[in-house]
Amino acid sequence: MLKLIAAFIFTISGWTLIGKMPADIKKSIIVGAPHTSNLDLIISLGGFHKMKLPIKFLIKKEWLRYFPINKILLSAGALGIERYKNNTMVDSIAELIRSSDETMAILITPEGTRKRACKWKTGFYYIALKSGIPIFLSYLDYSKKLAVLGPSFMPSGNFRNDMQIIKDFYKDVVAKNPENFCLDIYQDDDFEDT
């Protein structure tokens, strides 16, 4: 139901969808950035529904505590996570991906909040790396009303190089609340390349 409502809102709001998931990709991580508004999820779900892409998305477990919001979100593809158990979360989602036979695209917002977050959470990267699946980059550009599913890449294990690909892709995107979007997503001493 939420997906149909989201698709309706996507259409009547005048958004344009660009890109599609290649038919030969059965499992992927989709980076959703910028994430500066709750509206981002609605517009994204609408675009993915129009694309006929069975999307799942990570959401704070707290959102799934109360009826009927939990039923609505779960039916739309929500996967509840405990934000403070990062290592466990990466391993459990990677295992879910590896053990599933279904087509699965998991939307992750690495900013982890709608507030300004210059240090992105890196779980999306390590889930893809451990699962051996590609990372697709997607965005909503509110200045042009474009919903874009862009290029993909396989994580190489060289975190700095792969993050530069991401920074370059998002550098000109206009968020719903541009003052809350930051691309200083890591510091050189934060990570060791593997």
N, C-alpha and C. Protein backbone atom coordinates (compact mmCIF):
# COMPACT_ATOMS: atom_id res chain seq x y z
N MET A 1 0.81 -1.19 0.00
CA MET A 1 0.00 0.00 0.00
C MET A 1 0.86 1.27 0.00
N LEU A 2 1.89 1.28 0.88
CA LEU A 2 2.78 2.44 0.93
C LEU A 2 3.48 2.66 -0.41
N LYS A 3 3.86 1.57 -1.08
CA LYS A 3 4.53 1.71 -2.38
C LYS A 3 3.62 2.35 -3.42
N LEU A 4 2.33 1.97 -3.40
CA LEU A 4 1.38 2.57 -4.35
C LEU A 4 1.17 4.04 -4.06
N ILE A 5 1.04 4.38 -2.79
CA ILE A 5 0.90 5.79 -2.40
C ILE A 5 2.15 6.57 -2.81
N ALA A 6 3.32 5.96 -2.56
CA ALA A 6 4.58 6.62 -2.92
C ALA A 6 4.68 6.83 -4.42
N ALA A 7 4.25 5.84 -5.21
CA ALA A 7 4.29 5.97 -6.67
C ALA A 7 3.35 7.08 -7.14
N PHE A 8 2.20 7.19 -6.49
CA PHE A 8 1.26 8.26 -6.81
C PHE A 8 1.87 9.63 -6.50
N ILE A 9 2.48 9.76 -5.32
CA ILE A 9 3.12 11.02 -4.94
C ILE A 9 4.26 11.36 -5.89
N PHE A 10 5.05 10.35 -6.25
CA PHE A 10 6.16 10.52 -7.20
C PHE A 10 5.63 11.12 -8.50
N THR A 11 4.54 10.56 -9.01
CA THR A 11 3.99 10.99 -10.30
C THR A 11 3.38 12.39 -10.22
N ILE A 12 2.52 12.63 -9.23
CA ILE A 12 1.84 13.93 -9.19
C ILE A 12 2.78 15.07 -8.80
N SER A 13 3.91 14.72 -8.19
CA SER A 13 4.89 15.76 -7.81
C SER A 13 5.80 16.13 -8.97
N GLY A 14 5.71 15.40 -10.09
CA GLY A 14 6.47 15.77 -11.28
C GLY A 14 7.89 15.24 -11.34
N TRP A 15 8.17 14.16 -10.61
CA TRP A 15 9.52 13.57 -10.64
C TRP A 15 9.74 12.79 -11.93
N THR A 16 10.99 12.77 -12.37
CA THR A 16 11.39 12.00 -13.55
C THR A 16 12.36 10.92 -13.10
N LEU A 17 12.14 9.72 -13.58
CA LEU A 17 12.97 8.57 -13.24
C LEU A 17 14.01 8.36 -14.33
N ILE A 18 15.27 8.24 -13.91
CA ILE A 18 16.36 8.00 -14.87
C ILE A 18 17.13 6.76 -14.40
N GLY A 19 17.35 5.84 -15.33
CA GLY A 19 18.11 4.63 -15.04
C GLY A 19 17.20 3.46 -14.71
N LYS A 20 17.79 2.27 -14.76
CA LYS A 20 17.07 1.06 -14.36
C LYS A 20 18.08 0.00 -13.97
N MET A 21 17.61 -0.95 -13.22
CA MET A 21 18.46 -2.04 -12.78
C MET A 21 18.67 -3.00 -13.95
N PRO A 22 19.92 -3.31 -14.27
CA PRO A 22 20.17 -4.30 -15.33
C PRO A 22 19.51 -5.64 -14.99
N ALA A 23 18.96 -6.29 -15.98
CA ALA A 23 18.22 -7.54 -15.77
C ALA A 23 19.08 -8.65 -15.19
N ASP A 24 20.38 -8.62 -15.44
CA ASP A 24 21.24 -9.71 -14.97
C ASP A 24 21.71 -9.52 -13.52
N ILE A 25 21.38 -8.41 -12.89
CA ILE A 25 21.77 -8.17 -11.49
C ILE A 25 20.65 -8.66 -10.59
N LYS A 26 20.93 -9.66 -9.79
CA LYS A 26 19.91 -10.25 -8.91
C LYS A 26 20.00 -9.73 -7.48
N LYS A 27 21.18 -9.28 -7.07
CA LYS A 27 21.36 -8.78 -5.71
C LYS A 27 22.28 -7.56 -5.75
N SER A 28 21.93 -6.55 -4.95
CA SER A 28 22.74 -5.34 -4.96
C SER A 28 22.47 -4.52 -3.71
N ILE A 29 23.40 -3.63 -3.44
CA ILE A 29 23.22 -2.57 -2.44
C ILE A 29 23.01 -1.29 -3.23
N ILE A 30 22.02 -0.51 -2.83
CA ILE A 30 21.78 0.78 -3.46
C ILE A 30 22.03 1.87 -2.42
N VAL A 31 22.97 2.74 -2.72
CA VAL A 31 23.25 3.87 -1.84
C VAL A 31 22.22 4.95 -2.15
N GLY A 32 21.51 5.39 -1.11
CA GLY A 32 20.54 6.46 -1.25
C GLY A 32 21.06 7.71 -0.56
N ALA A 33 21.51 8.66 -1.34
CA ALA A 33 22.02 9.92 -0.79
C ALA A 33 21.66 11.02 -1.78
N PRO A 34 21.54 12.23 -1.35
CA PRO A 34 21.51 12.69 0.02
C PRO A 34 20.24 12.23 0.73
N HIS A 35 20.32 12.15 2.06
CA HIS A 35 19.16 11.81 2.87
C HIS A 35 19.00 12.91 3.92
N THR A 36 18.19 13.90 3.57
CA THR A 36 18.03 15.06 4.46
C THR A 36 16.58 15.30 4.86
N SER A 37 15.66 14.41 4.44
CA SER A 37 14.24 14.60 4.70
C SER A 37 13.54 13.25 4.73
N ASN A 38 12.46 13.15 5.51
CA ASN A 38 11.65 11.92 5.48
C ASN A 38 11.00 11.72 4.12
N LEU A 39 10.81 12.79 3.39
CA LEU A 39 10.23 12.70 2.05
C LEU A 39 11.11 11.87 1.11
N ASP A 40 12.41 11.83 1.38
CA ASP A 40 13.33 11.06 0.54
C ASP A 40 12.88 9.60 0.40
N LEU A 41 12.46 9.00 1.49
CA LEU A 41 12.03 7.59 1.44
C LEU A 41 10.79 7.43 0.57
N ILE A 42 9.82 8.31 0.73
CA ILE A 42 8.58 8.22 -0.04
C ILE A 42 8.87 8.35 -1.53
N ILE A 43 9.64 9.37 -1.90
CA ILE A 43 9.95 9.58 -3.32
C ILE A 43 10.76 8.39 -3.86
N SER A 44 11.72 7.90 -3.08
CA SER A 44 12.53 6.76 -3.51
C SER A 44 11.68 5.51 -3.71
N LEU A 45 10.81 5.22 -2.74
CA LEU A 45 9.93 4.05 -2.88
C LEU A 45 9.04 4.17 -4.11
N GLY A 46 8.56 5.39 -4.37
CA GLY A 46 7.75 5.60 -5.56
C GLY A 46 8.53 5.33 -6.84
N GLY A 47 9.75 5.82 -6.90
CA GLY A 47 10.58 5.58 -8.08
C GLY A 47 10.91 4.11 -8.27
N PHE A 48 11.29 3.44 -7.19
CA PHE A 48 11.62 2.02 -7.30
C PHE A 48 10.39 1.18 -7.65
N HIS A 49 9.23 1.57 -7.16
CA HIS A 49 8.00 0.86 -7.50
C HIS A 49 7.71 1.01 -9.00
N LYS A 50 7.86 2.23 -9.52
CA LYS A 50 7.64 2.45 -10.95
C LYS A 50 8.66 1.67 -11.79
N MET A 51 9.84 1.46 -11.22
CA MET A 51 10.90 0.71 -11.89
C MET A 51 10.66 -0.81 -11.79
N LYS A 52 9.67 -1.18 -10.96
CA LYS A 52 9.36 -2.60 -10.69
C LYS A 52 10.53 -3.33 -10.04
N LEU A 53 11.25 -2.60 -9.20
CA LEU A 53 12.40 -3.17 -8.49
C LEU A 53 11.98 -3.52 -7.07
N PRO A 54 12.08 -4.81 -6.70
CA PRO A 54 11.70 -5.21 -5.33
C PRO A 54 12.77 -4.72 -4.34
N ILE A 55 12.47 -3.63 -3.72
CA ILE A 55 13.44 -2.96 -2.85
C ILE A 55 13.18 -3.31 -1.39
N LYS A 56 14.26 -3.42 -0.66
CA LYS A 56 14.20 -3.50 0.80
C LYS A 56 15.02 -2.30 1.28
N PHE A 57 14.71 -1.82 2.47
CA PHE A 57 15.45 -0.67 2.97
C PHE A 57 15.67 -0.82 4.47
N LEU A 58 16.80 -0.30 4.91
CA LEU A 58 17.13 -0.35 6.33
C LEU A 58 16.46 0.82 7.05
N ILE A 59 15.96 0.53 8.23
CA ILE A 59 15.28 1.54 9.02
C ILE A 59 15.55 1.26 10.49
N LYS A 60 15.56 2.29 11.30
CA LYS A 60 15.76 2.10 12.74
C LYS A 60 14.68 1.16 13.27
N LYS A 61 15.11 0.20 14.07
CA LYS A 61 14.18 -0.78 14.64
C LYS A 61 13.05 -0.10 15.43
N GLU A 62 13.35 1.06 16.00
CA GLU A 62 12.34 1.79 16.78
C GLU A 62 11.10 2.13 15.96
N TRP A 63 11.26 2.32 14.65
CA TRP A 63 10.12 2.64 13.79
C TRP A 63 9.15 1.46 13.67
N LEU A 64 9.62 0.27 14.00
CA LEU A 64 8.80 -0.93 13.80
C LEU A 64 8.14 -1.42 15.09
N ARG A 65 8.14 -0.62 16.11
CA ARG A 65 7.58 -1.04 17.40
C ARG A 65 6.06 -0.93 17.47
N TYR A 66 5.46 -0.06 16.71
CA TYR A 66 4.07 0.30 16.93
C TYR A 66 3.18 -0.04 15.73
N PHE A 67 2.04 -0.63 16.04
CA PHE A 67 1.01 -0.91 15.05
C PHE A 67 0.26 0.40 14.78
N PRO A 68 -0.13 0.74 13.59
CA PRO A 68 -0.02 0.02 12.34
C PRO A 68 1.20 0.40 11.51
N ILE A 69 2.01 1.37 12.01
CA ILE A 69 3.16 1.82 11.22
C ILE A 69 4.11 0.67 10.90
N ASN A 70 4.25 -0.28 11.85
CA ASN A 70 5.15 -1.41 11.60
C ASN A 70 4.66 -2.26 10.43
N LYS A 71 3.37 -2.51 10.35
CA LYS A 71 2.81 -3.32 9.25
C LYS A 71 3.00 -2.62 7.91
N ILE A 72 2.80 -1.32 7.90
CA ILE A 72 2.94 -0.55 6.66
C ILE A 72 4.39 -0.57 6.18
N LEU A 73 5.31 -0.32 7.09
CA LEU A 73 6.73 -0.28 6.71
C LEU A 73 7.26 -1.66 6.32
N LEU A 74 6.87 -2.69 7.07
CA LEU A 74 7.34 -4.04 6.73
C LEU A 74 6.81 -4.48 5.36
N SER A 75 5.57 -4.15 5.05
CA SER A 75 5.02 -4.52 3.74
C SER A 75 5.69 -3.76 2.60
N ALA A 76 6.28 -2.61 2.93
CA ALA A 76 6.98 -1.81 1.92
C ALA A 76 8.43 -2.25 1.74
N GLY A 77 8.92 -3.17 2.61
CA GLY A 77 10.27 -3.68 2.46
C GLY A 77 11.23 -3.30 3.57
N ALA A 78 10.74 -2.76 4.67
CA ALA A 78 11.61 -2.32 5.76
C ALA A 78 12.32 -3.50 6.43
N LEU A 79 13.58 -3.30 6.73
CA LEU A 79 14.38 -4.23 7.53
C LEU A 79 14.84 -3.46 8.75
N GLY A 80 14.33 -3.80 9.92
CA GLY A 80 14.69 -3.09 11.14
C GLY A 80 16.10 -3.42 11.59
N ILE A 81 16.86 -2.40 11.93
CA ILE A 81 18.22 -2.60 12.42
C ILE A 81 18.43 -1.88 13.73
N GLU A 82 19.33 -2.42 14.52
CA GLU A 82 19.77 -1.75 15.74
C GLU A 82 21.02 -0.98 15.36
N ARG A 83 20.94 0.33 15.40
CA ARG A 83 22.01 1.18 14.87
C ARG A 83 23.32 1.05 15.62
N TYR A 84 23.30 0.60 16.83
CA TYR A 84 24.52 0.58 17.63
C TYR A 84 25.23 -0.76 17.60
N LYS A 85 24.77 -1.68 16.76
CA LYS A 85 25.40 -2.99 16.63
C LYS A 85 25.92 -3.14 15.20
N ASN A 86 26.84 -2.25 14.80
CA ASN A 86 27.29 -2.18 13.41
C ASN A 86 27.89 -3.47 12.89
N ASN A 87 28.81 -4.09 13.64
CA ASN A 87 29.45 -5.31 13.14
C ASN A 87 28.45 -6.43 12.97
N THR A 88 27.56 -6.58 13.92
CA THR A 88 26.53 -7.61 13.84
C THR A 88 25.61 -7.34 12.67
N MET A 89 25.24 -6.07 12.47
CA MET A 89 24.35 -5.70 11.39
C MET A 89 24.96 -6.03 10.03
N VAL A 90 26.21 -5.70 9.83
CA VAL A 90 26.88 -6.00 8.56
C VAL A 90 26.87 -7.50 8.30
N ASP A 91 27.27 -8.28 9.29
CA ASP A 91 27.31 -9.73 9.11
C ASP A 91 25.94 -10.33 8.88
N SER A 92 24.93 -9.87 9.62
CA SER A 92 23.60 -10.46 9.47
C SER A 92 22.97 -10.11 8.12
N ILE A 93 23.17 -8.91 7.64
CA ILE A 93 22.61 -8.55 6.33
C ILE A 93 23.38 -9.24 5.21
N ALA A 94 24.69 -9.34 5.34
CA ALA A 94 25.47 -10.07 4.34
C ALA A 94 25.02 -11.53 4.28
N GLU A 95 24.75 -12.13 5.42
CA GLU A 95 24.27 -13.52 5.46
C GLU A 95 22.88 -13.63 4.85
N LEU A 96 22.00 -12.67 5.13
CA LEU A 96 20.67 -12.66 4.53
C LEU A 96 20.78 -12.63 3.00
N ILE A 97 21.65 -11.80 2.49
CA ILE A 97 21.84 -11.69 1.04
C ILE A 97 22.38 -12.99 0.47
N ARG A 98 23.43 -13.53 1.09
CA ARG A 98 24.05 -14.75 0.57
C ARG A 98 23.10 -15.95 0.60
N SER A 99 22.26 -16.03 1.62
CA SER A 99 21.41 -17.21 1.79
C SER A 99 20.08 -17.13 1.04
N SER A 100 19.74 -15.97 0.51
CA SER A 100 18.45 -15.80 -0.15
C SER A 100 18.55 -16.14 -1.63
N ASP A 101 17.51 -16.76 -2.14
CA ASP A 101 17.42 -17.06 -3.57
C ASP A 101 16.66 -15.97 -4.33
N GLU A 102 16.02 -15.07 -3.60
CA GLU A 102 15.21 -14.06 -4.25
C GLU A 102 16.06 -12.88 -4.75
N THR A 103 15.52 -12.18 -5.76
CA THR A 103 16.13 -10.95 -6.22
C THR A 103 16.03 -9.94 -5.08
N MET A 104 17.14 -9.27 -4.79
CA MET A 104 17.17 -8.40 -3.61
C MET A 104 18.02 -7.18 -3.86
N ALA A 105 17.40 -6.02 -3.75
CA ALA A 105 18.11 -4.75 -3.79
C ALA A 105 17.85 -4.08 -2.44
N ILE A 106 18.91 -3.76 -1.72
CA ILE A 106 18.77 -3.16 -0.41
C ILE A 106 19.22 -1.71 -0.46
N LEU A 107 18.29 -0.82 -0.18
CA LEU A 107 18.55 0.62 -0.17
C LEU A 107 19.09 1.00 1.20
N ILE A 108 20.25 1.66 1.22
CA ILE A 108 20.87 2.08 2.46
C ILE A 108 21.24 3.56 2.34
N THR A 109 20.90 4.32 3.37
CA THR A 109 21.27 5.73 3.43
C THR A 109 22.47 5.86 4.38
N PRO A 110 23.67 5.93 3.85
CA PRO A 110 24.87 5.90 4.69
C PRO A 110 25.05 7.09 5.61
N GLU A 111 24.32 8.16 5.37
CA GLU A 111 24.41 9.28 6.30
C GLU A 111 23.84 8.89 7.66
N GLY A 112 22.87 7.97 7.65
CA GLY A 112 22.33 7.44 8.89
C GLY A 112 21.42 8.38 9.65
N THR A 113 21.19 9.56 9.12
CA THR A 113 20.34 10.56 9.78
C THR A 113 19.95 11.59 8.74
N ARG A 114 18.90 12.35 9.05
CA ARG A 114 18.51 13.43 8.15
C ARG A 114 19.25 14.71 8.49
N LYS A 115 19.93 14.72 9.62
CA LYS A 115 20.72 15.89 10.02
C LYS A 115 22.04 15.87 9.25
N ARG A 116 22.81 16.94 9.37
CA ARG A 116 24.12 17.00 8.71
C ARG A 116 25.03 15.94 9.31
N ALA A 117 25.55 15.06 8.45
CA ALA A 117 26.42 13.97 8.90
C ALA A 117 27.59 13.86 7.93
N CYS A 118 28.71 14.41 8.32
CA CYS A 118 29.88 14.41 7.42
C CYS A 118 30.64 13.09 7.46
N LYS A 119 30.43 12.30 8.47
CA LYS A 119 31.09 11.00 8.51
C LYS A 119 30.02 9.93 8.28
N TRP A 120 30.00 9.40 7.05
CA TRP A 120 28.99 8.41 6.69
C TRP A 120 29.26 7.08 7.38
N LYS A 121 28.19 6.35 7.61
CA LYS A 121 28.32 4.99 8.12
C LYS A 121 28.77 4.11 6.95
N THR A 122 29.62 3.16 7.21
CA THR A 122 30.25 2.40 6.13
C THR A 122 29.68 0.99 5.96
N GLY A 123 28.63 0.66 6.70
CA GLY A 123 28.05 -0.68 6.62
C GLY A 123 27.69 -1.08 5.21
N PHE A 124 27.12 -0.16 4.42
CA PHE A 124 26.72 -0.48 3.05
C PHE A 124 27.90 -1.05 2.25
N TYR A 125 29.07 -0.46 2.47
CA TYR A 125 30.27 -0.86 1.73
C TYR A 125 30.69 -2.28 2.13
N TYR A 126 30.73 -2.52 3.42
CA TYR A 126 31.20 -3.82 3.90
C TYR A 126 30.18 -4.93 3.68
N ILE A 127 28.90 -4.59 3.65
CA ILE A 127 27.88 -5.59 3.29
C ILE A 127 28.11 -6.04 1.85
N ALA A 128 28.28 -5.07 0.95
CA ALA A 128 28.51 -5.41 -0.46
C ALA A 128 29.81 -6.20 -0.64
N LEU A 129 30.86 -5.77 0.06
CA LEU A 129 32.16 -6.45 -0.04
C LEU A 129 32.06 -7.89 0.43
N LYS A 130 31.43 -8.11 1.60
CA LYS A 130 31.31 -9.46 2.14
C LYS A 130 30.37 -10.34 1.33
N SER A 131 29.38 -9.71 0.68
CA SER A 131 28.40 -10.46 -0.10
C SER A 131 28.83 -10.68 -1.54
N GLY A 132 29.85 -9.93 -1.98
CA GLY A 132 30.30 -10.06 -3.37
C GLY A 132 29.28 -9.52 -4.37
N ILE A 133 28.61 -8.42 -3.99
CA ILE A 133 27.59 -7.84 -4.87
C ILE A 133 27.93 -6.38 -5.17
N PRO A 134 27.37 -5.86 -6.27
CA PRO A 134 27.69 -4.48 -6.65
C PRO A 134 26.98 -3.44 -5.78
N ILE A 135 27.57 -2.26 -5.76
CA ILE A 135 26.97 -1.09 -5.13
C ILE A 135 26.47 -0.18 -6.25
N PHE A 136 25.17 0.13 -6.22
CA PHE A 136 24.60 1.10 -7.16
C PHE A 136 24.46 2.43 -6.44
N LEU A 137 24.74 3.49 -7.14
CA LEU A 137 24.62 4.84 -6.58
C LEU A 137 23.31 5.45 -7.09
N SER A 138 22.54 5.99 -6.17
CA SER A 138 21.27 6.61 -6.56
C SER A 138 21.12 7.94 -5.83
N TYR A 139 20.31 8.81 -6.41
CA TYR A 139 20.05 10.07 -5.74
C TYR A 139 18.71 10.65 -6.15
N LEU A 140 18.24 11.57 -5.32
CA LEU A 140 17.11 12.43 -5.63
C LEU A 140 17.67 13.84 -5.70
N ASP A 141 17.52 14.48 -6.85
CA ASP A 141 17.94 15.86 -6.99
C ASP A 141 16.68 16.72 -6.99
N TYR A 142 16.48 17.44 -5.88
CA TYR A 142 15.25 18.21 -5.71
C TYR A 142 15.21 19.44 -6.59
N SER A 143 16.35 19.95 -7.04
CA SER A 143 16.34 21.14 -7.89
C SER A 143 15.83 20.82 -9.29
N LYS A 144 16.01 19.57 -9.73
CA LYS A 144 15.58 19.16 -11.07
C LYS A 144 14.47 18.12 -11.04
N LYS A 145 14.10 17.69 -9.83
CA LYS A 145 13.10 16.62 -9.64
C LYS A 145 13.49 15.37 -10.43
N LEU A 146 14.74 14.97 -10.26
CA LEU A 146 15.26 13.76 -10.89
C LEU A 146 15.50 12.69 -9.84
N ALA A 147 14.98 11.50 -10.11
CA ALA A 147 15.27 10.32 -9.29
C ALA A 147 16.16 9.44 -10.16
N VAL A 148 17.42 9.28 -9.75
CA VAL A 148 18.42 8.65 -10.61
C VAL A 148 18.97 7.38 -9.97
N LEU A 149 18.91 6.30 -10.73
CA LEU A 149 19.65 5.09 -10.39
C LEU A 149 20.85 5.10 -11.31
N GLY A 150 21.99 5.42 -10.75
CA GLY A 150 23.19 5.65 -11.55
C GLY A 150 24.05 4.42 -11.71
N PRO A 151 25.33 4.66 -11.83
CA PRO A 151 26.26 3.56 -12.11
C PRO A 151 26.46 2.65 -10.91
N SER A 152 27.06 1.51 -11.20
CA SER A 152 27.40 0.58 -10.13
C SER A 152 28.89 0.28 -10.19
N PHE A 153 29.40 -0.24 -9.10
CA PHE A 153 30.77 -0.73 -9.08
C PHE A 153 30.87 -1.84 -8.05
N MET A 154 31.82 -2.71 -8.26
CA MET A 154 32.10 -3.75 -7.28
C MET A 154 33.11 -3.18 -6.30
N PRO A 155 32.82 -3.27 -5.00
CA PRO A 155 33.80 -2.76 -4.03
C PRO A 155 35.11 -3.52 -4.16
N SER A 156 36.20 -2.78 -4.21
CA SER A 156 37.51 -3.38 -4.46
C SER A 156 38.23 -3.81 -3.18
N GLY A 157 37.77 -3.30 -2.05
CA GLY A 157 38.50 -3.49 -0.80
C GLY A 157 39.42 -2.32 -0.50
N ASN A 158 39.66 -1.46 -1.49
CA ASN A 158 40.42 -0.24 -1.28
C ASN A 158 39.41 0.87 -0.95
N PHE A 159 39.16 1.03 0.34
CA PHE A 159 38.08 1.90 0.80
C PHE A 159 38.24 3.33 0.30
N ARG A 160 39.42 3.90 0.41
CA ARG A 160 39.61 5.30 0.00
C ARG A 160 39.30 5.50 -1.48
N ASN A 161 39.81 4.62 -2.32
CA ASN A 161 39.55 4.75 -3.76
C ASN A 161 38.07 4.61 -4.08
N ASP A 162 37.43 3.64 -3.45
CA ASP A 162 36.01 3.42 -3.71
C ASP A 162 35.17 4.58 -3.20
N MET A 163 35.54 5.16 -2.05
CA MET A 163 34.79 6.31 -1.54
C MET A 163 34.96 7.53 -2.44
N GLN A 164 36.10 7.64 -3.11
CA GLN A 164 36.30 8.75 -4.04
C GLN A 164 35.33 8.65 -5.21
N ILE A 165 35.06 7.44 -5.67
CA ILE A 165 34.06 7.23 -6.73
C ILE A 165 32.72 7.79 -6.27
N ILE A 166 32.36 7.48 -5.03
CA ILE A 166 31.09 7.92 -4.47
C ILE A 166 31.05 9.44 -4.33
N LYS A 167 32.11 10.03 -3.78
CA LYS A 167 32.15 11.48 -3.60
C LYS A 167 32.02 12.20 -4.95
N ASP A 168 32.71 11.71 -5.96
CA ASP A 168 32.65 12.33 -7.28
C ASP A 168 31.24 12.26 -7.87
N PHE A 169 30.56 11.15 -7.64
CA PHE A 169 29.21 10.97 -8.18
C PHE A 169 28.22 11.95 -7.57
N TYR A 170 28.31 12.18 -6.27
CA TYR A 170 27.31 12.98 -5.56
C TYR A 170 27.62 14.47 -5.47
N LYS A 171 28.75 14.92 -6.00
CA LYS A 171 29.21 16.28 -5.74
C LYS A 171 28.27 17.38 -6.22
N ASP A 172 27.46 17.14 -7.25
CA ASP A 172 26.59 18.20 -7.78
C ASP A 172 25.11 17.99 -7.48
N VAL A 173 24.78 17.02 -6.65
CA VAL A 173 23.38 16.71 -6.35
C VAL A 173 22.83 17.72 -5.33
N VAL A 174 21.58 18.15 -5.56
CA VAL A 174 20.94 19.10 -4.65
C VAL A 174 19.91 18.37 -3.80
N ALA A 175 20.15 18.34 -2.50
CA ALA A 175 19.27 17.66 -1.55
C ALA A 175 18.02 18.48 -1.27
N LYS A 176 17.04 17.85 -0.63
CA LYS A 176 15.85 18.57 -0.17
C LYS A 176 16.26 19.70 0.78
N ASN A 177 17.17 19.39 1.70
CA ASN A 177 17.72 20.38 2.63
C ASN A 177 19.24 20.43 2.40
N PRO A 178 19.69 21.21 1.42
CA PRO A 178 21.10 21.19 1.01
C PRO A 178 22.09 21.46 2.14
N GLU A 179 21.70 22.26 3.12
CA GLU A 179 22.60 22.57 4.23
C GLU A 179 22.93 21.34 5.08
N ASN A 180 22.15 20.28 4.94
CA ASN A 180 22.39 19.05 5.72
C ASN A 180 23.15 17.99 4.95
N PHE A 181 23.55 18.27 3.72
CA PHE A 181 24.28 17.27 2.93
C PHE A 181 25.76 17.58 2.93
N CYS A 182 26.56 16.59 3.30
CA CYS A 182 28.01 16.75 3.43
C CYS A 182 28.71 15.58 2.76
N LEU A 183 29.73 15.89 2.00
CA LEU A 183 30.48 14.84 1.31
C LEU A 183 31.87 14.61 1.88
N ASP A 184 32.17 15.16 3.03
CA ASP A 184 33.43 14.84 3.70
C ASP A 184 33.20 13.54 4.47
N ILE A 185 33.03 12.44 3.74
CA ILE A 185 32.47 11.22 4.31
C ILE A 185 33.47 10.36 5.07
N TYR A 186 34.72 10.69 5.03
CA TYR A 186 35.71 9.95 5.82
C TYR A 186 36.93 10.83 6.00
N GLN A 187 37.74 10.45 6.96
CA GLN A 187 39.02 11.10 7.15
C GLN A 187 40.09 10.06 6.89
N ASP A 188 41.24 10.49 6.39
CA ASP A 188 42.29 9.55 5.99
C ASP A 188 42.71 8.59 7.10
N ASP A 189 42.64 9.01 8.34
CA ASP A 189 43.10 8.12 9.40
C ASP A 189 42.00 7.23 9.96
N ASP A 190 40.80 7.29 9.35
CA ASP A 190 39.67 6.48 9.85
C ASP A 190 39.76 5.03 9.46
N PHE A 191 40.36 4.72 8.31
CA PHE A 191 40.27 3.38 7.77
C PHE A 191 41.62 2.91 7.24
N GLU A 192 41.81 1.62 7.33
CA GLU A 192 42.96 1.00 6.67
C GLU A 192 42.44 0.24 5.49
N ASP A 193 43.09 0.39 4.35
CA ASP A 193 42.70 -0.36 3.17
C ASP A 193 43.04 -1.83 3.38
N THR A 194 42.16 -2.68 2.84
CA THR A 194 42.41 -4.13 2.94
C THR A 194 42.67 -4.72 1.58
